[in-house]
Amino acid sequence: MQTLVRMASRGSRQAAQAMPHGARLRGTRHGAVLVASALSLAACAHAPANPEARAEFQRTNDPAEPTNRTVFRANQFVDRNALKPVAKGYTEYVPGRVRRSLHNFVSNLEEPGVAINDVLQGNVSRAWNTTQRFAVNTTLGGAGLFDVATDWHRPRHDADFGQTLGVWGVGPGPAVQLPLFGPSNVRDTVGKVGGLVTNPLTFVTGGAATAVNAASGGIGVVDGRSRLIPVTDDLERSSLDYYATLRSVAAQRRAKLIAEARVGAVTEEKELPDLDPSGVSAK
């Protein structure tokens, strides 16, 4: 179950990369307003003091559930009629080696943002590891098409601004079902805006850079969804309430990522499939 949402932070960054450069910059100018509003909403939810009760509260803190379920159904419609068919075609017609190289390329473009969040979290060793990964894979790995760094014992990890807020004690707040992005919470919604600011590629201008960002964003979403299909199909068949299951799995995965970031260790665990709990990918 914990593997279900490995792509939680990555999906938002890929979607942001797919936006035109100007649109992303306009979004950052409204970030402060969104942050203030979201933190006000988060303040309305008071978590219990007991650790077990707090964990359960954070998994089910969903005061806007009727609205969230409506958004969820819309996300499911988009996935079943658009994204999932494209992802199936991608798996069937694009050779496995090519898919792996495209996955590596998109992941490599995310590394500068990961490194910045490592620094913001106070994880110097992780930031240095990520910096080495980016340098090695960008040069010896053919612009990131090959993951040489992992073979050199420089394993990849995820880091995003929502996770950074969690490391410094910001609670998740109420559950939120985001259009196209799926299950989230107030803190991570704010983190998506902050992620645009903490990702250096947001501010790279020029026609070629914009085209690369847009292409990598689109490829990343399709690649991620294609890797999810077997897991999400099985989960949907076995869930009594698919919406509630995804909400719970997403909350658990985010809590796990924050706990790992607080420890700050660089481990050589085998990378699990990146599984994004976004609505478009029916997770």
Protein backbone atom coordinates (compact mmCIF):
# COMPACT_ATOMS: atom_id res chain seq x y z
CA MET A 1 0.00 0.00 0.00
CA GLN A 2 2.80 2.40 0.85
CA THR A 3 4.11 2.03 -2.68
CA LEU A 4 0.87 3.41 -4.09
CA VAL A 5 1.78 7.06 -3.95
CA ARG A 6 5.50 7.33 -4.61
CA MET A 7 4.80 9.98 -7.26
CA ALA A 8 2.82 12.26 -4.98
CA SER A 9 5.25 15.13 -5.08
CA ARG A 10 6.56 14.37 -8.52
CA GLY A 11 3.20 14.51 -10.28
CA SER A 12 2.66 18.14 -9.33
CA ARG A 13 6.11 19.18 -10.47
CA GLN A 14 5.65 17.43 -13.81
CA ALA A 15 2.31 19.10 -14.37
CA ALA A 16 3.86 22.45 -13.49
CA GLN A 17 6.68 21.85 -15.98
CA ALA A 18 4.09 21.21 -18.67
CA MET A 19 2.64 24.71 -18.21
CA PRO A 20 3.91 27.60 -20.32
CA HIS A 21 6.67 29.52 -18.58
CA GLY A 22 4.59 32.68 -18.24
CA ALA A 23 1.71 30.83 -16.65
CA ARG A 24 3.97 29.34 -14.03
CA LEU A 25 5.41 32.71 -13.11
CA ARG A 26 1.95 34.24 -12.87
CA GLY A 27 1.04 31.44 -10.49
CA THR A 28 3.91 32.29 -8.17
CA ARG A 29 2.73 35.90 -7.86
CA HIS A 30 -0.49 34.66 -6.33
CA GLY A 31 1.30 32.22 -4.06
CA ALA A 32 1.30 34.46 -1.01
CA VAL A 33 -2.47 34.82 -1.15
CA LEU A 34 -2.95 31.07 -1.41
CA VAL A 35 -0.51 30.43 1.44
CA ALA A 36 -2.32 32.79 3.76
CA SER A 37 -5.73 31.36 2.93
CA ALA A 38 -4.59 27.76 3.26
CA LEU A 39 -2.88 28.28 6.58
CA SER A 40 -6.03 29.92 7.88
CA LEU A 41 -7.99 26.81 6.92
CA ALA A 42 -5.41 24.56 8.55
CA ALA A 43 -5.72 26.47 11.80
CA CYS A 44 -9.37 25.44 12.02
CA ALA A 45 -8.49 21.75 12.45
CA HIS A 46 -7.12 20.67 15.84
CA ALA A 47 -5.43 17.28 15.95
CA PRO A 48 -5.64 15.09 19.08
CA ALA A 49 -2.61 14.85 21.37
CA ASN A 50 -2.55 11.04 21.47
CA PRO A 51 -0.16 9.78 18.74
CA GLU A 52 -2.46 6.99 17.51
CA ALA A 53 -5.51 9.22 17.54
CA ARG A 54 -3.53 11.94 15.78
CA ALA A 55 -2.46 9.55 13.00
CA GLU A 56 -6.05 8.43 12.44
CA PHE A 57 -7.28 12.03 12.53
CA GLN A 58 -4.78 13.08 9.88
CA ARG A 59 -5.86 10.21 7.60
CA THR A 60 -9.56 11.06 7.83
CA ASN A 61 -9.58 14.85 8.43
CA ASP A 62 -11.93 15.58 5.53
CA PRO A 63 -14.52 18.27 6.44
CA ALA A 64 -15.17 19.02 2.74
CA GLU A 65 -15.71 15.36 1.83
CA PRO A 66 -18.87 15.87 -0.30
CA THR A 67 -17.08 18.42 -2.47
CA ASN A 68 -13.91 16.36 -2.53
CA ARG A 69 -15.83 13.30 -3.73
CA THR A 70 -17.36 15.35 -6.54
CA VAL A 71 -13.89 16.44 -7.66
CA PHE A 72 -12.69 12.85 -7.32
CA ARG A 73 -15.41 11.58 -9.66
CA ALA A 74 -14.44 14.22 -12.23
CA ASN A 75 -10.79 13.20 -11.92
CA GLN A 76 -11.76 9.56 -12.44
CA PHE A 77 -13.64 10.48 -15.61
CA VAL A 78 -10.58 12.28 -17.01
CA ASP A 79 -8.35 9.35 -16.16
CA ARG A 80 -10.54 6.64 -17.61
CA ASN A 81 -11.27 8.49 -20.83
CA ALA A 82 -7.99 10.25 -21.50
CA LEU A 83 -4.89 9.60 -19.43
CA LYS A 84 -5.16 5.86 -18.82
CA PRO A 85 -5.73 4.96 -22.50
CA VAL A 86 -2.72 7.08 -23.48
CA ALA A 87 -0.63 5.45 -20.74
CA LYS A 88 -1.62 1.97 -21.96
CA GLY A 89 -0.59 2.87 -25.50
CA TYR A 90 2.70 4.24 -24.19
CA THR A 91 3.41 0.91 -22.45
CA GLU A 92 2.38 -1.20 -25.45
CA TYR A 93 4.16 0.68 -28.21
CA VAL A 94 7.22 2.33 -26.63
CA PRO A 95 10.09 -0.10 -25.93
CA GLY A 96 10.99 -0.66 -22.28
CA ARG A 97 14.51 0.73 -22.62
CA VAL A 98 13.18 3.91 -24.16
CA ARG A 99 10.61 4.30 -21.38
CA ARG A 100 13.33 3.87 -18.76
CA SER A 101 15.52 6.52 -20.40
CA LEU A 102 12.62 8.96 -20.61
CA HIS A 103 11.86 8.30 -16.94
CA ASN A 104 15.50 8.96 -16.03
CA PHE A 105 15.52 12.18 -18.07
CA VAL A 106 12.45 13.58 -16.32
CA SER A 107 13.76 12.55 -12.90
CA ASN A 108 17.06 14.27 -13.57
CA LEU A 109 15.34 17.56 -14.34
CA GLU A 110 13.72 17.41 -10.90
CA GLU A 111 17.01 17.06 -9.03
CA PRO A 112 17.77 20.81 -8.62
CA GLY A 113 14.43 21.30 -6.88
CA VAL A 114 15.08 18.25 -4.69
CA ALA A 115 18.50 19.62 -3.71
CA ILE A 116 17.06 23.01 -2.73
CA ASN A 117 14.45 21.36 -0.51
CA ASP A 118 17.15 19.17 1.02
CA VAL A 119 18.96 22.35 2.03
CA LEU A 120 15.78 23.95 3.36
CA GLN A 121 15.20 20.83 5.45
CA GLY A 122 18.73 21.04 6.88
CA ASN A 123 19.74 17.77 5.20
CA VAL A 124 23.25 18.64 4.02
CA SER A 125 24.27 15.06 3.23
CA ARG A 126 21.13 14.53 1.16
CA ALA A 127 21.66 17.83 -0.67
CA TRP A 128 25.24 16.86 -1.53
CA ASN A 129 24.10 13.42 -2.72
CA THR A 130 21.45 15.02 -4.96
CA THR A 131 23.94 17.53 -6.34
CA GLN A 132 26.33 14.73 -7.23
CA ARG A 133 23.50 12.78 -8.87
CA PHE A 134 22.57 15.74 -11.05
CA ALA A 135 26.18 16.42 -12.08
CA VAL A 136 26.98 12.79 -12.89
CA ASN A 137 23.76 11.98 -14.74
CA THR A 138 23.72 15.25 -16.69
CA THR A 139 27.25 14.66 -17.97
CA LEU A 140 28.13 10.96 -17.98
CA GLY A 141 24.49 9.93 -18.14
CA GLY A 142 23.79 11.69 -21.42
CA ALA A 143 21.68 14.62 -20.15
CA GLY A 144 20.03 12.30 -17.64
CA LEU A 145 18.91 9.57 -20.02
CA PHE A 146 20.95 7.03 -18.03
CA ASP A 147 21.07 6.78 -14.23
CA VAL A 148 24.81 6.34 -13.75
CA ALA A 149 24.70 7.88 -10.27
CA THR A 150 22.66 5.05 -8.76
CA ASP A 151 25.24 2.54 -9.99
CA TRP A 152 27.84 4.71 -8.26
CA HIS A 153 25.99 4.44 -4.94
CA ARG A 154 24.28 7.80 -5.20
CA PRO A 155 20.63 6.75 -4.68
CA ARG A 156 17.70 8.99 -5.52
CA HIS A 157 15.14 10.29 -3.04
CA ASP A 158 12.17 12.63 -3.24
CA ALA A 159 11.94 16.06 -1.63
CA ASP A 160 9.40 18.83 -2.18
CA PHE A 161 8.24 22.00 -0.47
CA GLY A 162 5.21 20.38 1.16
CA GLN A 163 7.58 17.86 2.72
CA THR A 164 9.84 20.72 3.83
CA LEU A 165 6.94 22.39 5.62
CA GLY A 166 6.15 19.09 7.33
CA VAL A 167 9.76 18.66 8.47
CA TRP A 168 9.55 22.02 10.24
CA GLY A 169 6.35 21.09 12.05
CA VAL A 170 3.53 22.34 9.80
CA GLY A 171 0.61 19.92 10.12
CA PRO A 172 -1.18 18.53 7.07
CA GLY A 173 -4.52 20.26 7.75
CA PRO A 174 -7.77 19.06 6.19
CA ALA A 175 -7.86 16.72 3.23
CA VAL A 176 -8.20 18.32 -0.20
CA GLN A 177 -9.09 16.67 -3.51
CA LEU A 178 -7.34 18.76 -6.15
CA PRO A 179 -8.62 18.85 -9.73
CA LEU A 180 -6.32 16.62 -11.81
CA PHE A 181 -3.81 16.23 -8.95
CA GLY A 182 -6.05 14.18 -6.67
CA PRO A 183 -5.75 13.48 -2.90
CA SER A 184 -3.74 16.05 -0.99
CA ASN A 185 -4.05 18.31 2.05
CA VAL A 186 -3.82 22.00 2.83
CA ARG A 187 -0.10 21.93 3.65
CA ASP A 188 0.87 20.10 0.47
CA THR A 189 -1.41 22.32 -1.62
CA VAL A 190 0.58 25.28 -0.33
CA GLY A 191 3.69 23.24 -1.04
CA LYS A 192 2.77 22.95 -4.71
CA VAL A 193 2.90 26.74 -5.01
CA GLY A 194 6.14 26.89 -3.05
CA GLY A 195 7.52 24.17 -5.29
CA LEU A 196 7.38 26.54 -8.26
CA VAL A 197 9.50 29.02 -6.34
CA THR A 198 12.02 26.44 -5.08
CA ASN A 199 12.48 24.82 -8.50
CA PRO A 200 15.19 26.66 -10.45
CA LEU A 201 13.79 25.43 -13.78
CA THR A 202 10.73 27.63 -13.18
CA PHE A 203 12.85 30.67 -13.94
CA VAL A 204 14.75 29.30 -16.95
CA THR A 205 13.62 31.31 -19.97
CA GLY A 206 13.95 30.79 -23.68
CA GLY A 207 12.08 28.84 -26.32
CA ALA A 208 14.19 25.69 -26.01
CA ALA A 209 13.99 25.63 -22.20
CA THR A 210 10.23 26.13 -22.27
CA ALA A 211 9.81 23.33 -24.80
CA VAL A 212 11.97 20.95 -22.73
CA ASN A 213 10.04 21.73 -19.55
CA ALA A 214 6.68 21.26 -21.25
CA ALA A 215 7.73 18.03 -22.96
CA SER A 216 9.27 16.57 -19.80
CA GLY A 217 6.14 17.43 -17.83
CA GLY A 218 3.87 15.65 -20.30
CA ILE A 219 6.16 12.64 -20.61
CA GLY A 220 6.48 12.41 -16.85
CA VAL A 221 2.72 12.29 -16.28
CA VAL A 222 2.17 9.60 -18.92
CA ASP A 223 5.19 7.59 -17.78
CA GLY A 224 4.08 7.71 -14.16
CA ARG A 225 0.53 6.68 -14.99
CA SER A 226 1.72 3.77 -17.12
CA ARG A 227 3.73 2.38 -14.21
CA LEU A 228 0.72 2.70 -11.93
CA ILE A 229 -1.85 0.82 -13.97
CA PRO A 230 -1.39 -2.67 -12.46
CA VAL A 231 -1.35 -1.35 -8.89
CA THR A 232 -4.29 1.01 -9.20
CA ASP A 233 -6.39 -1.56 -11.04
CA ASP A 234 -5.80 -4.07 -8.26
CA LEU A 235 -6.49 -1.49 -5.55
CA GLU A 236 -9.73 -0.35 -7.16
CA ARG A 237 -10.95 -3.96 -7.39
CA SER A 238 -10.14 -4.66 -3.74
CA SER A 239 -11.35 -1.40 -2.16
CA LEU A 240 -14.80 -1.05 -0.65
CA ASP A 241 -14.44 2.74 -0.87
CA TYR A 242 -11.82 3.70 -3.44
CA TYR A 243 -11.92 7.40 -2.52
CA ALA A 244 -11.35 6.73 1.20
CA THR A 245 -8.60 4.20 0.47
CA LEU A 246 -6.66 6.61 -1.71
CA ARG A 247 -7.08 9.41 0.80
CA SER A 248 -5.66 7.19 3.54
CA VAL A 249 -2.79 5.83 1.45
CA ALA A 250 -1.81 9.33 0.32
CA ALA A 251 -1.76 10.58 3.93
CA GLN A 252 0.34 7.63 5.08
CA ARG A 253 2.81 8.04 2.24
CA ARG A 254 3.29 11.75 2.90
CA ALA A 255 3.80 11.07 6.61
CA LYS A 256 6.44 8.47 5.72
CA LEU A 257 8.30 10.88 3.41
CA ILE A 258 8.36 13.54 6.12
CA ALA A 259 9.63 11.05 8.70
CA GLU A 260 12.43 10.01 6.33
CA ALA A 261 13.38 13.64 5.70
CA ARG A 262 13.58 14.33 9.44
CA VAL A 263 16.08 11.50 9.77
CA GLY A 264 17.93 12.84 6.74
CA ALA A 265 19.77 9.64 5.89
CA VAL A 266 20.96 8.69 2.41
CA THR A 267 19.98 5.05 1.88
CA GLU A 268 20.51 2.67 -1.01
CA GLU A 269 17.06 1.13 -0.94
CA LYS A 270 15.79 0.03 -4.33
CA GLU A 271 13.58 2.74 -5.80
CA LEU A 272 9.92 1.81 -5.78
CA PRO A 273 7.57 2.69 -8.62
CA ASP A 274 6.58 6.33 -8.46
CA LEU A 275 2.90 6.24 -7.63
CA ASP A 276 1.08 9.53 -7.66
CA PRO A 277 -2.28 9.73 -5.87
CA SER A 278 -3.54 12.24 -8.38
CA GLY A 279 -7.08 12.12 -9.63
CA VAL A 280 -6.02 12.03 -13.26
CA SER A 281 -4.16 8.81 -12.64
CA ALA A 282 -7.07 7.30 -10.77
CA LYS A 283 -4.99 6.63 -7.75
